[in-house]
Protein backbone atom coordinates (compact mmCIF):
# COMPACT_ATOMS: atom_id res chain seq x y z
CA MET A 1 88.09 119.72 121.87
CA LYS A 2 91.85 119.92 122.31
CA VAL A 3 94.97 120.13 120.15
CA GLY A 4 96.69 116.83 119.34
CA PRO A 5 100.11 116.02 120.85
CA LEU A 6 102.05 117.45 117.88
CA ASN A 7 99.43 119.86 116.51
CA LEU A 8 100.17 118.33 113.10
CA ILE A 9 98.21 116.22 110.64
CA THR A 10 100.32 113.27 111.80
CA ASP A 11 98.37 113.23 115.07
CA VAL A 12 95.92 111.23 112.93
CA GLN A 13 96.95 107.60 113.40
CA GLY A 14 98.20 106.05 110.14
CA ILE A 15 99.51 109.29 108.60
CA ARG A 16 103.13 110.36 108.01
CA VAL A 17 104.49 113.40 106.14
CA GLY A 18 107.75 113.88 104.26
CA ASN A 19 109.16 117.11 102.83
CA SER A 20 111.81 117.89 100.26
CA GLU A 21 112.82 121.36 99.09
CA ASP A 22 115.52 123.22 97.17
CA ALA A 23 116.43 126.67 98.53
CA LYS A 24 117.98 127.81 95.24
CA LEU A 25 114.93 126.67 93.30
CA LYS A 26 112.57 128.12 95.94
CA SER A 27 110.22 125.19 95.56
CA GLY A 28 109.51 121.84 97.12
CA VAL A 29 107.32 118.80 97.61
CA SER A 30 105.29 117.42 100.51
CA VAL A 31 104.02 113.84 100.60
CA VAL A 32 101.31 112.54 102.93
CA ILE A 33 101.84 108.79 103.31
CA CYS A 34 99.10 106.43 104.45
CA ASP A 35 100.50 103.52 106.46
CA VAL A 36 97.70 101.33 105.13
CA PRO A 37 95.45 101.84 102.07
CA THR A 38 93.14 104.69 103.05
CA VAL A 39 89.69 105.92 102.00
CA ALA A 40 90.03 109.22 100.12
CA SER A 41 88.17 111.77 98.06
CA VAL A 42 88.70 115.33 96.82
CA GLN A 43 86.95 118.63 96.27
CA VAL A 44 88.21 121.35 93.91
CA LEU A 45 86.74 124.85 94.25
CA GLY A 46 89.46 127.01 92.69
CA GLY A 47 89.25 127.93 89.02
CA ALA A 48 92.81 126.94 88.04
CA PRO A 49 93.64 123.49 89.43
CA GLY A 50 96.55 121.27 88.43
CA THR A 51 96.09 117.63 89.37
CA ARG A 52 96.85 113.96 88.76
CA GLU A 53 94.71 110.93 89.67
CA THR A 54 91.84 112.97 91.12
CA ASP A 55 89.04 111.50 88.98
CA LEU A 56 89.42 108.12 90.69
CA LEU A 57 88.62 109.79 94.02
CA GLU A 58 85.02 110.51 93.09
CA PRO A 59 82.67 108.33 95.16
CA HIS A 60 81.13 106.69 92.08
CA ASN A 61 84.48 105.43 90.77
CA THR A 62 86.00 102.04 91.51
CA VAL A 63 89.23 102.55 93.48
CA GLU A 64 88.36 102.90 97.17
CA ASN A 65 91.77 103.48 98.76
CA ILE A 66 94.97 105.41 98.11
CA ASP A 67 98.56 105.08 99.33
CA ALA A 68 99.78 108.67 99.42
CA ILE A 69 99.00 112.27 98.48
CA VAL A 70 101.53 114.61 96.87
CA LEU A 71 101.42 118.40 97.20
CA SER A 72 104.04 120.05 94.98
CA GLY A 73 105.33 123.38 93.82
CA GLY A 74 106.41 123.84 90.21
CA SER A 75 103.03 124.28 88.54
CA ALA A 76 102.49 121.57 85.89
CA PHE A 77 106.16 120.57 86.11
CA GLY A 78 105.50 119.57 89.71
CA LEU A 79 103.19 116.77 88.66
CA ASP A 80 106.40 114.78 88.09
CA ALA A 81 106.74 114.58 91.88
CA ALA A 82 104.08 111.88 91.90
CA SER A 83 106.28 109.61 89.77
CA GLY A 84 109.13 109.89 92.27
CA ALA A 85 106.84 109.24 95.21
CA GLN A 86 105.32 106.30 93.37
CA ALA A 87 108.78 104.84 92.71
CA ALA A 88 109.72 105.01 96.39
CA LEU A 89 106.45 103.41 97.45
CA ARG A 90 106.80 100.64 94.87
CA GLU A 91 110.29 99.88 96.17
CA ALA A 92 108.68 99.40 99.59
CA GLY A 93 106.13 96.95 98.16
CA VAL A 94 103.24 99.38 98.51
CA GLY A 95 100.40 99.63 96.01
CA PHE A 96 97.19 98.31 94.52
CA ALA A 97 97.69 94.64 93.64
CA VAL A 98 97.06 93.66 90.02
CA GLY A 99 98.36 90.14 89.47
CA ASP A 100 102.00 90.20 90.53
CA MET A 101 102.22 93.98 90.07
CA ARG A 102 101.89 96.67 92.72
CA ILE A 103 100.63 100.09 91.58
CA PRO A 104 100.90 102.82 94.24
CA ILE A 105 97.89 105.14 94.03
CA VAL A 106 99.18 108.68 94.52
CA PRO A 107 96.78 111.55 93.73
CA THR A 108 98.60 114.87 93.33
CA ALA A 109 97.99 118.61 93.27
CA ILE A 110 100.37 121.44 92.37
CA LEU A 111 100.75 125.14 93.08
CA PHE A 112 102.30 127.92 90.97
CA ASP A 113 105.64 129.12 92.39
CA LEU A 114 107.60 129.58 89.15
CA LEU A 115 107.97 133.38 89.42
CA ASN A 116 109.02 133.73 93.05
CA GLY A 117 112.70 134.69 92.71
CA GLY A 118 114.06 131.13 92.59
CA ASP A 119 116.36 129.76 89.89
CA LYS A 120 114.14 127.69 87.59
CA ASN A 121 116.82 127.05 84.94
CA TRP A 122 116.92 123.34 85.69
CA GLY A 123 117.84 122.10 82.22
CA ARG A 124 116.02 119.40 80.31
CA PHE A 125 114.15 117.73 83.16
CA ALA A 126 112.53 119.43 86.13
CA PRO A 127 113.76 118.20 89.55
CA TYR A 128 110.37 117.33 91.01
CA ARG A 129 110.49 113.57 90.38
CA GLU A 130 113.59 113.25 92.57
CA MET A 131 112.12 115.58 95.16
CA GLY A 132 109.00 113.40 95.35
CA TYR A 133 111.21 110.35 95.93
CA GLU A 134 113.19 112.16 98.64
CA ALA A 135 110.04 113.36 100.36
CA VAL A 136 108.77 109.79 100.75
CA LYS A 137 112.12 108.66 102.12
CA SER A 138 112.09 111.44 104.74
CA ALA A 139 108.56 110.79 105.96
CA GLY A 140 107.80 110.67 109.66
CA ARG A 141 105.43 112.00 112.29
CA LYS A 142 107.40 115.20 112.88
CA PHE A 143 108.09 117.65 110.07
CA LEU A 144 108.85 121.35 109.56
CA LEU A 145 106.29 124.03 108.77
CA GLY A 146 106.64 127.34 106.93
CA THR A 147 109.34 127.50 104.26
CA SER A 148 109.45 123.76 103.82
CA GLY A 149 108.16 121.12 101.42
CA ALA A 150 105.43 122.35 99.09
CA GLY A 151 105.43 125.65 100.98
CA ALA A 152 109.10 126.40 100.28
CA GLY A 153 108.33 128.92 97.53
CA ALA A 154 104.79 129.90 98.44
CA LEU A 155 103.61 133.54 98.42
CA THR A 156 100.46 135.37 99.46
CA VAL A 157 99.60 139.09 99.19
CA GLY A 158 102.81 140.92 100.07
CA LEU A 159 103.99 138.09 102.34
CA LYS A 160 105.60 134.71 102.03
CA GLY A 161 103.21 131.80 102.36
CA GLY A 162 104.23 128.40 103.59
CA LEU A 163 103.36 124.90 104.72
CA GLY A 164 100.97 124.79 107.65
CA SER A 165 99.43 122.04 109.75
CA ALA A 166 97.14 121.68 112.75
CA SER A 167 95.11 119.05 114.58
CA CYS A 168 92.48 118.55 117.22
CA VAL A 169 90.96 115.71 119.21
CA MET A 170 87.19 115.92 119.52
CA ASP A 171 85.36 115.13 122.73
CA ASN A 172 84.29 111.78 121.23
CA GLY A 173 87.95 110.81 120.72
CA ILE A 174 88.06 111.31 116.94
CA THR A 175 91.18 113.12 115.68
CA ILE A 176 91.19 115.51 112.71
CA GLY A 177 94.33 116.98 111.16
CA ALA A 178 95.07 119.33 108.27
CA LEU A 179 98.05 120.10 106.03
CA ALA A 180 98.02 123.15 103.74
CA ALA A 181 100.50 124.63 101.27
CA VAL A 182 99.45 128.30 101.27
CA ASN A 183 100.18 130.12 98.01
CA ALA A 184 96.99 132.11 97.64
CA VAL A 185 96.02 135.00 95.37
CA GLY A 186 94.37 136.50 98.46
CA SER A 187 95.62 137.35 101.94
CA ALA A 188 95.69 135.44 105.21
CA ASN A 189 96.11 138.73 107.07
CA ILE A 190 93.54 141.43 107.78
CA GLY A 191 94.43 144.42 105.63
CA LYS A 192 98.10 145.22 106.14
CA THR A 193 98.11 144.21 109.81
CA ARG A 194 99.78 141.28 111.59
CA HIS A 195 96.34 139.92 112.52
CA PHE A 196 95.09 136.75 110.85
CA TRP A 197 91.58 136.23 109.51
CA ALA A 198 91.82 132.86 111.27
CA ALA A 199 92.16 134.51 114.71
CA PRO A 200 88.77 133.38 116.16
CA PHE A 201 89.83 129.74 115.72
CA GLU A 202 93.35 130.02 117.18
CA ILE A 203 94.31 127.69 120.04
CA ASP A 204 97.18 128.30 122.48
CA ASP A 205 98.68 131.28 120.59
CA GLU A 206 99.70 128.91 117.78
CA PHE A 207 100.04 131.75 115.26
CA GLY A 208 100.92 134.72 117.43
CA GLY A 209 97.94 135.08 119.74
CA LEU A 210 97.04 138.56 118.47
CA GLY A 211 93.32 138.01 118.10
CA MET A 212 91.28 140.34 115.92
CA PRO A 213 92.33 143.97 115.44
CA HIS A 214 90.40 146.65 117.31
CA PRO A 215 89.24 148.79 115.77
CA MET A 216 89.03 146.91 112.51
CA PRO A 217 91.17 148.72 109.91
CA ASN A 218 89.33 150.62 107.18
CA ASP A 219 90.95 148.46 104.48
CA ALA A 220 90.10 145.13 106.17
CA THR A 221 87.74 143.99 103.42
CA ALA A 222 89.55 145.68 100.53
CA ILE A 223 90.30 143.10 97.86
CA ARG A 224 94.09 142.78 97.84
CA LEU A 225 95.54 140.37 95.30
CA LYS A 226 99.03 139.04 94.73
CA PHE A 227 100.61 140.72 91.67
CA ARG A 228 97.53 142.95 91.38
CA ASP A 229 99.23 145.36 88.97
CA GLU A 230 100.22 142.56 86.61
CA LYS A 231 98.23 139.98 84.73
CA PRO A 232 96.95 137.60 87.43
CA LEU A 233 99.03 134.44 87.72
CA LYS A 234 98.06 130.95 88.61
CA ASN A 235 98.19 130.45 92.38
CA THR A 236 96.73 127.93 94.77
CA THR A 237 96.20 126.71 98.28
CA ILE A 238 96.32 122.92 98.20
CA ALA A 239 95.55 120.90 101.30
CA VAL A 240 94.78 117.59 102.95
CA ILE A 241 92.24 117.07 105.71
CA ALA A 242 92.54 113.72 107.49
CA THR A 243 90.76 111.85 110.26
CA ASP A 244 91.02 108.54 112.08
CA ALA A 245 87.22 108.14 111.92
CA VAL A 246 85.65 105.40 109.81
CA LEU A 247 84.21 107.08 106.71
CA THR A 248 82.85 105.99 103.37
CA LYS A 249 84.29 107.49 100.21
CA ALA A 250 81.24 109.77 99.98
CA SER A 251 81.77 110.95 103.56
CA ALA A 252 85.45 111.60 102.79
CA LYS A 253 84.29 113.89 99.99
CA ARG A 254 81.99 115.70 102.41
CA LEU A 255 85.01 116.06 104.71
CA ALA A 256 86.96 117.72 101.88
CA ILE A 257 84.01 120.00 101.07
CA SER A 258 83.72 121.07 104.70
CA ALA A 259 87.44 121.83 104.94
CA HIS A 260 87.03 124.39 102.14
CA ASP A 261 85.10 126.47 104.67
CA GLY A 262 88.46 126.80 106.40
CA PHE A 263 89.89 128.38 103.24
CA ALA A 264 87.10 130.96 103.26
CA ARG A 265 87.68 131.76 106.95
CA ALA A 266 91.48 132.04 106.63
CA ILE A 267 92.00 133.71 103.22
CA TRP A 268 90.33 136.78 101.71
CA PRO A 269 89.41 136.31 98.92
CA SER A 270 89.61 132.56 98.34
CA HIS A 271 88.46 130.17 95.59
CA THR A 272 89.16 132.75 92.87
CA PRO A 273 89.35 131.95 89.14
CA PHE A 274 93.15 132.16 89.44
CA ASP A 275 93.51 129.83 92.43
CA GLY A 276 93.60 126.05 92.14
CA ASP A 277 92.12 125.63 95.60
CA LEU A 278 91.75 121.94 96.37
CA VAL A 279 91.31 119.71 99.42
CA PHE A 280 91.94 115.97 99.62
CA GLY A 281 89.92 114.17 102.30
CA LEU A 282 91.46 111.11 104.01
CA ALA A 283 89.94 108.70 106.53
CA THR A 284 92.31 106.10 108.00
CA GLY A 285 89.60 104.52 110.18
CA ALA A 286 92.29 103.79 112.78
CA SER A 287 90.10 104.87 115.71
CA GLY A 288 87.38 102.40 114.78
CA LYS A 289 84.85 105.15 115.50
CA GLU A 290 81.96 105.83 113.12
CA LEU A 291 80.14 109.15 112.92
CA GLN A 292 76.98 109.27 114.99
CA PRO A 293 73.98 111.43 113.97
CA GLU A 294 74.41 113.72 116.97
CA SER A 295 78.07 114.44 116.14
CA VAL A 296 78.05 114.71 112.35
CA ILE A 297 77.69 118.49 112.17
CA ASP A 298 80.32 118.98 114.88
CA PHE A 299 82.71 116.73 112.97
CA TYR A 300 82.50 118.64 109.70
CA ALA A 301 82.58 122.03 111.44
CA THR A 302 85.70 120.97 113.31
CA ALA A 303 87.34 120.01 110.03
CA ALA A 304 86.80 123.56 108.78
CA ALA A 305 88.24 125.01 111.99
CA VAL A 306 91.35 122.82 111.83
CA MET A 307 91.97 123.81 108.21
CA THR A 308 91.57 127.48 109.14
CA ARG A 309 94.30 127.12 111.76
CA ALA A 310 96.63 125.17 109.47
CA ILE A 311 96.52 127.91 106.83
CA ALA A 312 97.40 130.65 109.33
CA ARG A 313 100.22 128.55 110.78
CA GLY A 314 101.75 128.15 107.31
CA VAL A 315 102.07 131.92 106.84
CA TYR A 316 103.10 132.47 110.46
CA ALA A 317 105.97 129.95 110.26
CA ALA A 318 107.54 131.22 107.01
CA GLU A 319 111.23 132.11 107.24
CA PRO A 320 113.36 134.52 105.17
CA SER A 321 115.75 133.25 102.52
CA PRO A 322 118.01 134.89 99.90
CA GLY A 323 116.21 136.31 96.88
CA ASP A 324 112.79 136.59 98.52
CA LEU A 325 110.28 138.77 96.68
CA PHE A 326 108.15 139.32 99.78
CA PRO A 327 108.93 139.51 103.53
CA CYS A 328 107.82 136.99 106.10
CA TRP A 329 105.02 137.56 108.62
CA SER A 330 107.66 137.80 111.37
CA ALA A 331 109.11 140.91 109.69
CA LEU A 332 105.87 142.89 109.90
CA PRO A 333 105.95 145.88 112.27
């Protein structure tokens, strides 16, 4: 197993990512674009999700393929980002054909970043529709992590969150990549240290190379929550796990389920009643490789490991900006 050329979800053939953000707003949008209609499913394990077009992703429902995935800040206002992304895709002639109409299929998930120090006095209409449009237009194989896209206003426990991504190429040639907007109620760090819960899965010092702390701090497993002294707010880690393997819709759902193990390895606690934790599973099939019985368990375990790394990289890459409520990981002593 090795890291892909970019160590990004776009190492999966047929995937591009575009970001749009507003520094004053402290929020943004990320769009995962599928170059061809792509098999997809979803798994929600958080207790406070915000979504659009996720029911159609269940294996028993009719639509098999999607055109893009939107991850957006803005809580429920951010669902507008899908309309902007859909408009840009329709202009490009992309979408499910119904007669002479093209309907881009764009499932969407949002995170809560409304109370993060940004200026949310946007007037009558929230800006997310235009940001979704801009994100599609900016899409490519290379994109920024940390305080970018849907991670622009993300927070965790006492630290800024961010947009993270990672990839790997399995020994059988199948590529798996993850994209995560990390805005969790819980913490990606062990206690108040610089060490990440994800440390055992790190490759090539991609998030600092610190390993696990020794000795383990006494407060390592203490339950630290964002805004603990206030009424808990809606938060979320929303993510995409993608592969170039050939999967059915049911197998894409199993891929999404497995990637949630990465949440549990990277964030303590995760999947709380106040998180909207969600993973979209995508399978482009571009490799032409199908899962073999002897490699199935390795495939799904690898998906969890890649997601674990992506989450840590999102927090690691966050950068300071005016009006921040919390410091960045890089500012920790």
